[in-house]
Amino acid sequence: MDRIRPLSAALVVLVVLWSAGATVELFVTTFSVGANVTPAMVTVALLVVVLLAAIAVGARNRRWLANPRSYW
């Protein structure tokens, strides 16, 4: 059980670094040059809004915030 904690932490760090790299790549390749910058920005903004709306709808039931172990 003691080896699982560092492995989990390493996995979380890896996912965070991977996500940060993907975000940088998105901004560099999609939003920097080209005629399709505005539609790409609108699409990404729409995806962010939809994701936040889904999180808000899922968070309406506050039970998972109070005690996530019992909810899942």
PDB file of N, CA and C in Angstrom:
ATOM      1  N   MET A   1       0.814  -1.187   0.000  1.00  0.00           N
ATOM      2  CA  MET A   1       0.000   0.000   0.000  1.00  0.00           C
ATOM      3  C   MET A   1       0.866   1.262   0.000  1.00  0.00           C
ATOM      4  N   ASP A   2       2.058   1.170   0.578  1.00  0.00           N
ATOM      5  CA  ASP A   2       2.914   2.344   0.641  1.00  0.00           C
ATOM      6  C   ASP A   2       3.469   2.714  -0.733  1.00  0.00           C
ATOM      7  N   ARG A   3       3.597   1.743  -1.618  1.00  0.00           N
ATOM      8  CA  ARG A   3       4.113   2.043  -2.952  1.00  0.00           C
ATOM      9  C   ARG A   3       3.051   2.653  -3.859  1.00  0.00           C
ATOM     10  N   ILE A   4       1.806   2.506  -3.516  1.00  0.00           N
ATOM     11  CA  ILE A   4       0.731   3.013  -4.367  1.00  0.00           C
ATOM     12  C   ILE A   4       0.670   4.537  -4.307  1.00  0.00           C
ATOM     13  N   ARG A   5       0.924   5.130  -3.166  1.00  0.00           N
ATOM     14  CA  ARG A   5       0.855   6.592  -3.033  1.00  0.00           C
ATOM     15  C   ARG A   5       1.841   7.302  -3.943  1.00  0.00           C
ATOM     16  N   PRO A   6       3.135   6.963  -3.938  1.00  0.00           N
ATOM     17  CA  PRO A   6       4.054   7.647  -4.850  1.00  0.00           C
ATOM     18  C   PRO A   6       3.722   7.373  -6.315  1.00  0.00           C
ATOM     19  N   LEU A   7       3.246   6.182  -6.594  1.00  0.00           N
ATOM     20  CA  LEU A   7       2.864   5.861  -7.965  1.00  0.00           C
ATOM     21  C   LEU A   7       1.671   6.698  -8.401  1.00  0.00           C
ATOM     22  N   SER A   8       0.707   6.868  -7.529  1.00  0.00           N
ATOM     23  CA  SER A   8      -0.449   7.711  -7.830  1.00  0.00           C
ATOM     24  C   SER A   8      -0.032   9.162  -8.007  1.00  0.00           C
ATOM     25  N   ALA A   9       0.840   9.646  -7.145  1.00  0.00           N
ATOM     26  CA  ALA A   9       1.319  11.026  -7.260  1.00  0.00           C
ATOM     27  C   ALA A   9       2.087  11.225  -8.568  1.00  0.00           C
ATOM     28  N   ALA A  10       2.899  10.256  -8.932  1.00  0.00           N
ATOM     29  CA  ALA A  10       3.643  10.356 -10.195  1.00  0.00           C
ATOM     30  C   ALA A  10       2.692  10.357 -11.380  1.00  0.00           C
ATOM     31  N   LEU A  11       1.649   9.567 -11.306  1.00  0.00           N
ATOM     32  CA  LEU A  11       0.665   9.534 -12.375  1.00  0.00           C
ATOM     33  C   LEU A  11      -0.072  10.867 -12.493  1.00  0.00           C
ATOM     34  N   VAL A  12      -0.412  11.466 -11.368  1.00  0.00           N
ATOM     35  CA  VAL A  12      -1.079  12.769 -11.374  1.00  0.00           C
ATOM     36  C   VAL A  12      -0.156  13.830 -11.971  1.00  0.00           C
ATOM     37  N   VAL A  13       1.112  13.822 -11.577  1.00  0.00           N
ATOM     38  CA  VAL A  13       2.074  14.783 -12.132  1.00  0.00           C
ATOM     39  C   VAL A  13       2.223  14.578 -13.635  1.00  0.00           C
ATOM     40  N   LEU A  14       2.260  13.339 -14.069  1.00  0.00           N
ATOM     41  CA  LEU A  14       2.373  13.048 -15.490  1.00  0.00           C
ATOM     42  C   LEU A  14       1.166  13.568 -16.265  1.00  0.00           C
ATOM     43  N   VAL A  15      -0.017  13.373 -15.741  1.00  0.00           N
ATOM     44  CA  VAL A  15      -1.233  13.851 -16.404  1.00  0.00           C
ATOM     45  C   VAL A  15      -1.252  15.379 -16.445  1.00  0.00           C
ATOM     46  N   VAL A  16      -0.838  16.025 -15.357  1.00  0.00           N
ATOM     47  CA  VAL A  16      -0.801  17.491 -15.328  1.00  0.00           C
ATOM     48  C   VAL A  16       0.199  18.015 -16.355  1.00  0.00           C
ATOM     49  N   LEU A  17       1.381  17.433 -16.411  1.00  0.00           N
ATOM     50  CA  LEU A  17       2.380  17.862 -17.390  1.00  0.00           C
ATOM     51  C   LEU A  17       1.911  17.610 -18.824  1.00  0.00           C
ATOM     52  N   TRP A  18       1.289  16.487 -19.039  1.00  0.00           N
ATOM     53  CA  TRP A  18       0.776  16.147 -20.358  1.00  0.00           C
ATOM     54  C   TRP A  18      -0.313  17.139 -20.775  1.00  0.00           C
ATOM     55  N   SER A  19      -1.197  17.475 -19.855  1.00  0.00           N
ATOM     56  CA  SER A  19      -2.258  18.442 -20.147  1.00  0.00           C
ATOM     57  C   SER A  19      -1.690  19.831 -20.408  1.00  0.00           C
ATOM     58  N   ALA A  20      -0.698  20.219 -19.643  1.00  0.00           N
ATOM     59  CA  ALA A  20      -0.072  21.525 -19.859  1.00  0.00           C
ATOM     60  C   ALA A  20       0.604  21.578 -21.229  1.00  0.00           C
ATOM     61  N   GLY A  21       1.299  20.516 -21.590  1.00  0.00           N
ATOM     62  CA  GLY A  21       1.926  20.462 -22.913  1.00  0.00           C
ATOM     63  C   GLY A  21       0.911  20.493 -24.037  1.00  0.00           C
ATOM     64  N   ALA A  22      -0.194  19.793 -23.848  1.00  0.00           N
ATOM     65  CA  ALA A  22      -1.245  19.801 -24.866  1.00  0.00           C
ATOM     66  C   ALA A  22      -1.872  21.184 -24.998  1.00  0.00           C
ATOM     67  N   THR A  23      -2.036  21.882 -23.880  1.00  0.00           N
ATOM     68  CA  THR A  23      -2.592  23.232 -23.922  1.00  0.00           C
ATOM     69  C   THR A  23      -1.647  24.187 -24.636  1.00  0.00           C
ATOM     70  N   VAL A  24      -0.373  24.094 -24.343  1.00  0.00           N
ATOM     71  CA  VAL A  24       0.612  24.935 -25.027  1.00  0.00           C
ATOM     72  C   VAL A  24       0.605  24.634 -26.522  1.00  0.00           C
ATOM     73  N   GLU A  25       0.584  23.379 -26.871  1.00  0.00           N
ATOM     74  CA  GLU A  25       0.555  22.992 -28.291  1.00  0.00           C
ATOM     75  C   GLU A  25      -0.716  23.501 -28.975  1.00  0.00           C
ATOM     76  N   LEU A  26      -1.838  23.450 -28.276  1.00  0.00           N
ATOM     77  CA  LEU A  26      -3.089  23.970 -28.827  1.00  0.00           C
ATOM     78  C   LEU A  26      -2.963  25.448 -29.133  1.00  0.00           C
ATOM     79  N   PHE A  27      -2.439  26.209 -28.195  1.00  0.00           N
ATOM     80  CA  PHE A  27      -2.310  27.639 -28.422  1.00  0.00           C
ATOM     81  C   PHE A  27      -1.295  27.960 -29.513  1.00  0.00           C
ATOM     82  N   VAL A  28      -0.194  27.220 -29.552  1.00  0.00           N
ATOM     83  CA  VAL A  28       0.846  27.503 -30.542  1.00  0.00           C
ATOM     84  C   VAL A  28       0.375  27.163 -31.948  1.00  0.00           C
ATOM     85  N   THR A  29      -0.248  26.019 -32.114  1.00  0.00           N
ATOM     86  CA  THR A  29      -0.595  25.581 -33.463  1.00  0.00           C
ATOM     87  C   THR A  29      -1.941  26.097 -33.949  1.00  0.00           C
ATOM     88  N   THR A  30      -2.904  26.240 -33.070  1.00  0.00           N
ATOM     89  CA  THR A  30      -4.252  26.589 -33.499  1.00  0.00           C
ATOM     90  C   THR A  30      -4.502  28.088 -33.460  1.00  0.00           C
ATOM     91  N   PHE A  31      -4.028  28.743 -32.430  1.00  0.00           N
ATOM     92  CA  PHE A  31      -4.397  30.134 -32.228  1.00  0.00           C
ATOM     93  C   PHE A  31      -3.344  31.129 -32.692  1.00  0.00           C
ATOM     94  N   SER A  32      -2.259  30.673 -33.292  1.00  0.00           N
ATOM     95  CA  SER A  32      -1.193  31.613 -33.612  1.00  0.00           C
ATOM     96  C   SER A  32      -1.250  32.117 -35.054  1.00  0.00           C
ATOM     97  N   VAL A  33      -1.396  31.237 -36.015  1.00  0.00           N
ATOM     98  CA  VAL A  33      -1.294  31.647 -37.410  1.00  0.00           C
ATOM     99  C   VAL A  33      -2.420  31.013 -38.206  1.00  0.00           C
ATOM    100  N   GLY A  34      -2.892  31.740 -39.205  1.00  0.00           N
ATOM    101  CA  GLY A  34      -3.849  31.163 -40.122  1.00  0.00           C
ATOM    102  C   GLY A  34      -5.141  31.942 -40.184  1.00  0.00           C
ATOM    103  N   ALA A  35      -5.930  31.581 -41.175  1.00  0.00           N
ATOM    104  CA  ALA A  35      -7.201  32.266 -41.387  1.00  0.00           C
ATOM    105  C   ALA A  35      -8.295  31.706 -40.496  1.00  0.00           C
ATOM    106  N   ASN A  36      -8.074  30.562 -39.906  1.00  0.00           N
ATOM    107  CA  ASN A  36      -9.117  29.900 -39.115  1.00  0.00           C
ATOM    108  C   ASN A  36      -8.947  30.105 -37.620  1.00  0.00           C
ATOM    109  N   VAL A  37      -8.288  31.184 -37.225  1.00  0.00           N
ATOM    110  CA  VAL A  37      -8.031  31.398 -35.797  1.00  0.00           C
ATOM    111  C   VAL A  37      -9.332  31.686 -35.048  1.00  0.00           C
ATOM    112  N   THR A  38     -10.159  32.560 -35.590  1.00  0.00           N
ATOM    113  CA  THR A  38     -11.405  32.919 -34.897  1.00  0.00           C
ATOM    114  C   THR A  38     -12.351  31.727 -34.755  1.00  0.00           C
ATOM    115  N   PRO A  39     -12.608  30.955 -35.826  1.00  0.00           N
ATOM    116  CA  PRO A  39     -13.468  29.781 -35.621  1.00  0.00           C
ATOM    117  C   PRO A  39     -12.890  28.764 -34.631  1.00  0.00           C
ATOM    118  N   ALA A  40     -11.576  28.609 -34.622  1.00  0.00           N
ATOM    119  CA  ALA A  40     -10.957  27.685 -33.669  1.00  0.00           C
ATOM    120  C   ALA A  40     -11.143  28.178 -32.242  1.00  0.00           C
ATOM    121  N   MET A  41     -10.991  29.472 -32.038  1.00  0.00           N
ATOM    122  CA  MET A  41     -11.176  30.030 -30.692  1.00  0.00           C
ATOM    123  C   MET A  41     -12.632  29.893 -30.243  1.00  0.00           C
ATOM    124  N   VAL A  42     -13.556  30.118 -31.148  1.00  0.00           N
ATOM    125  CA  VAL A  42     -14.978  29.975 -30.811  1.00  0.00           C
ATOM    126  C   VAL A  42     -15.305  28.528 -30.462  1.00  0.00           C
ATOM    127  N   THR A  43     -14.749  27.593 -31.215  1.00  0.00           N
ATOM    128  CA  THR A  43     -14.998  26.177 -30.956  1.00  0.00           C
ATOM    129  C   THR A  43     -14.449  25.757 -29.597  1.00  0.00           C
ATOM    130  N   VAL A  44     -13.233  26.173 -29.287  1.00  0.00           N
ATOM    131  CA  VAL A  44     -12.638  25.823 -27.996  1.00  0.00           C
ATOM    132  C   VAL A  44     -13.421  26.479 -26.859  1.00  0.00           C
ATOM    133  N   ALA A  45     -13.836  27.727 -27.042  1.00  0.00           N
ATOM    134  CA  ALA A  45     -14.629  28.404 -26.017  1.00  0.00           C
ATOM    135  C   ALA A  45     -15.961  27.684 -25.803  1.00  0.00           C
ATOM    136  N   LEU A  46     -16.584  27.242 -26.883  1.00  0.00           N
ATOM    137  CA  LEU A  46     -17.841  26.498 -26.765  1.00  0.00           C
ATOM    138  C   LEU A  46     -17.631  25.186 -26.013  1.00  0.00           C
ATOM    139  N   LEU A  47     -16.546  24.499 -26.301  1.00  0.00           N
ATOM    140  CA  LEU A  47     -16.245  23.256 -25.588  1.00  0.00           C
ATOM    141  C   LEU A  47     -16.024  23.500 -24.102  1.00  0.00           C
ATOM    142  N   VAL A  48     -15.344  24.593 -23.771  1.00  0.00           N
ATOM    143  CA  VAL A  48     -15.113  24.924 -22.363  1.00  0.00           C
ATOM    144  C   VAL A  48     -16.437  25.223 -21.670  1.00  0.00           C
ATOM    145  N   VAL A  49     -17.309  25.976 -22.335  1.00  0.00           N
ATOM    146  CA  VAL A  49     -18.611  26.305 -21.752  1.00  0.00           C
ATOM    147  C   VAL A  49     -19.442  25.035 -21.543  1.00  0.00           C
ATOM    148  N   VAL A  50     -19.442  24.149 -22.523  1.00  0.00           N
ATOM    149  CA  VAL A  50     -20.203  22.901 -22.399  1.00  0.00           C
ATOM    150  C   VAL A  50     -19.641  22.041 -21.263  1.00  0.00           C
ATOM    151  N   LEU A  51     -18.332  21.973 -21.153  1.00  0.00           N
ATOM    152  CA  LEU A  51     -17.709  21.202 -20.081  1.00  0.00           C
ATOM    153  C   LEU A  51     -18.054  21.784 -18.714  1.00  0.00           C
ATOM    154  N   LEU A  52     -17.975  23.101 -18.576  1.00  0.00           N
ATOM    155  CA  LEU A  52     -18.320  23.727 -17.305  1.00  0.00           C
ATOM    156  C   LEU A  52     -19.800  23.546 -16.980  1.00  0.00           C
ATOM    157  N   ALA A  53     -20.654  23.601 -17.988  1.00  0.00           N
ATOM    158  CA  ALA A  53     -22.083  23.366 -17.759  1.00  0.00           C
ATOM    159  C   ALA A  53     -22.329  21.935 -17.296  1.00  0.00           C
ATOM    160  N   ALA A  54     -21.632  20.977 -17.890  1.00  0.00           N
ATOM    161  CA  ALA A  54     -21.785  19.582 -17.470  1.00  0.00           C
ATOM    162  C   ALA A  54     -21.311  19.387 -16.035  1.00  0.00           C
ATOM    163  N   ILE A  55     -20.238  20.055 -15.666  1.00  0.00           N
ATOM    164  CA  ILE A  55     -19.749  19.972 -14.289  1.00  0.00           C
ATOM    165  C   ILE A  55     -20.772  20.591 -13.335  1.00  0.00           C
ATOM    166  N   ALA A  56     -21.341  21.727 -13.736  1.00  0.00           N
ATOM    167  CA  ALA A  56     -22.342  22.393 -12.885  1.00  0.00           C
ATOM    168  C   ALA A  56     -23.574  21.522 -12.710  1.00  0.00           C
ATOM    169  N   VAL A  57     -24.021  20.881 -13.783  1.00  0.00           N
ATOM    170  CA  VAL A  57     -25.190  20.000 -13.681  1.00  0.00           C
ATOM    171  C   VAL A  57     -24.864  18.804 -12.796  1.00  0.00           C
ATOM    172  N   GLY A  58     -23.677  18.261 -12.946  1.00  0.00           N
ATOM    173  CA  GLY A  58     -23.276  17.131 -12.107  1.00  0.00           C
ATOM    174  C   GLY A  58     -23.100  17.510 -10.656  1.00  0.00           C
ATOM    175  N   ALA A  59     -22.735  18.772 -10.394  1.00  0.00           N
ATOM    176  CA  ALA A  59     -22.506  19.220  -9.020  1.00  0.00           C
ATOM    177  C   ALA A  59     -23.790  19.637  -8.331  1.00  0.00           C
ATOM    178  N   ARG A  60     -24.906  19.600  -9.025  1.00  0.00           N
ATOM    179  CA  ARG A  60     -26.167  19.970  -8.388  1.00  0.00           C
ATOM    180  C   ARG A  60     -26.455  19.062  -7.199  1.00  0.00           C
ATOM    181  N   ASN A  61     -26.099  17.812  -7.337  1.00  0.00           N
ATOM    182  CA  ASN A  61     -26.226  16.910  -6.214  1.00  0.00           C
ATOM    183  C   ASN A  61     -24.962  17.070  -5.373  1.00  0.00           C
ATOM    184  N   ARG A  62     -25.038  17.800  -4.314  1.00  0.00           N
ATOM    185  CA  ARG A  62     -23.861  18.157  -3.515  1.00  0.00           C
ATOM    186  C   ARG A  62     -23.343  17.006  -2.656  1.00  0.00           C
ATOM    187  N   ARG A  63     -23.986  15.863  -2.735  1.00  0.00           N
ATOM    188  CA  ARG A  63     -23.560  14.733  -1.922  1.00  0.00           C
ATOM    189  C   ARG A  63     -22.144  14.305  -2.273  1.00  0.00           C
ATOM    190  N   TRP A  64     -21.757  14.393  -3.555  1.00  0.00           N
ATOM    191  CA  TRP A  64     -20.416  13.962  -3.933  1.00  0.00           C
ATOM    192  C   TRP A  64     -19.372  14.944  -3.438  1.00  0.00           C
ATOM    193  N   LEU A  65     -19.749  16.189  -3.188  1.00  0.00           N
ATOM    194  CA  LEU A  65     -18.795  17.146  -2.631  1.00  0.00           C
ATOM    195  C   LEU A  65     -18.594  16.904  -1.138  1.00  0.00           C
ATOM    196  N   ALA A  66     -19.650  16.517  -0.455  1.00  0.00           N
ATOM    197  CA  ALA A  66     -19.571  16.310   0.987  1.00  0.00           C
ATOM    198  C   ALA A  66     -18.802  15.043   1.342  1.00  0.00           C
ATOM    199  N   ASN A  67     -19.072  13.960   0.621  1.00  0.00           N
ATOM    200  CA  ASN A  67     -18.423  12.697   0.927  1.00  0.00           C
ATOM    201  C   ASN A  67     -18.276  11.886  -0.367  1.00  0.00           C
ATOM    202  N   PRO A  68     -17.211  12.114  -1.107  1.00  0.00           N
ATOM    203  CA  PRO A  68     -17.075  11.437  -2.402  1.00  0.00           C
ATOM    204  C   PRO A  68     -16.957   9.921  -2.307  1.00  0.00           C
ATOM    205  N   ARG A  69     -16.465   9.398  -1.202  1.00  0.00           N
ATOM    206  CA  ARG A  69     -16.324   7.950  -1.078  1.00  0.00           C
ATOM    207  C   ARG A  69     -17.687   7.264  -1.035  1.00  0.00           C
ATOM    208  N   SER A  70     -18.647   7.856  -0.347  1.00  0.00           N
ATOM    209  CA  SER A  70     -19.955   7.221  -0.259  1.00  0.00           C
ATOM    210  C   SER A  70     -20.733   7.374  -1.569  1.00  0.00           C
ATOM    211  N   TYR A  71     -20.457   8.445  -2.315  1.00  0.00           N
ATOM    212  CA  TYR A  71     -21.180   8.664  -3.555  1.00  0.00           C
ATOM    213  C   TYR A  71     -20.769   7.649  -4.631  1.00  0.00           C
ATOM    214  N   TRP A  72     -19.474   7.422  -4.755  1.00  0.00           N
ATOM    215  CA  TRP A  72     -18.989   6.519  -5.795  1.00  0.00           C
ATOM    216  C   TRP A  72     -18.965   5.104  -5.264  1.00  0.00           C
TER     217      TRP A  72
END
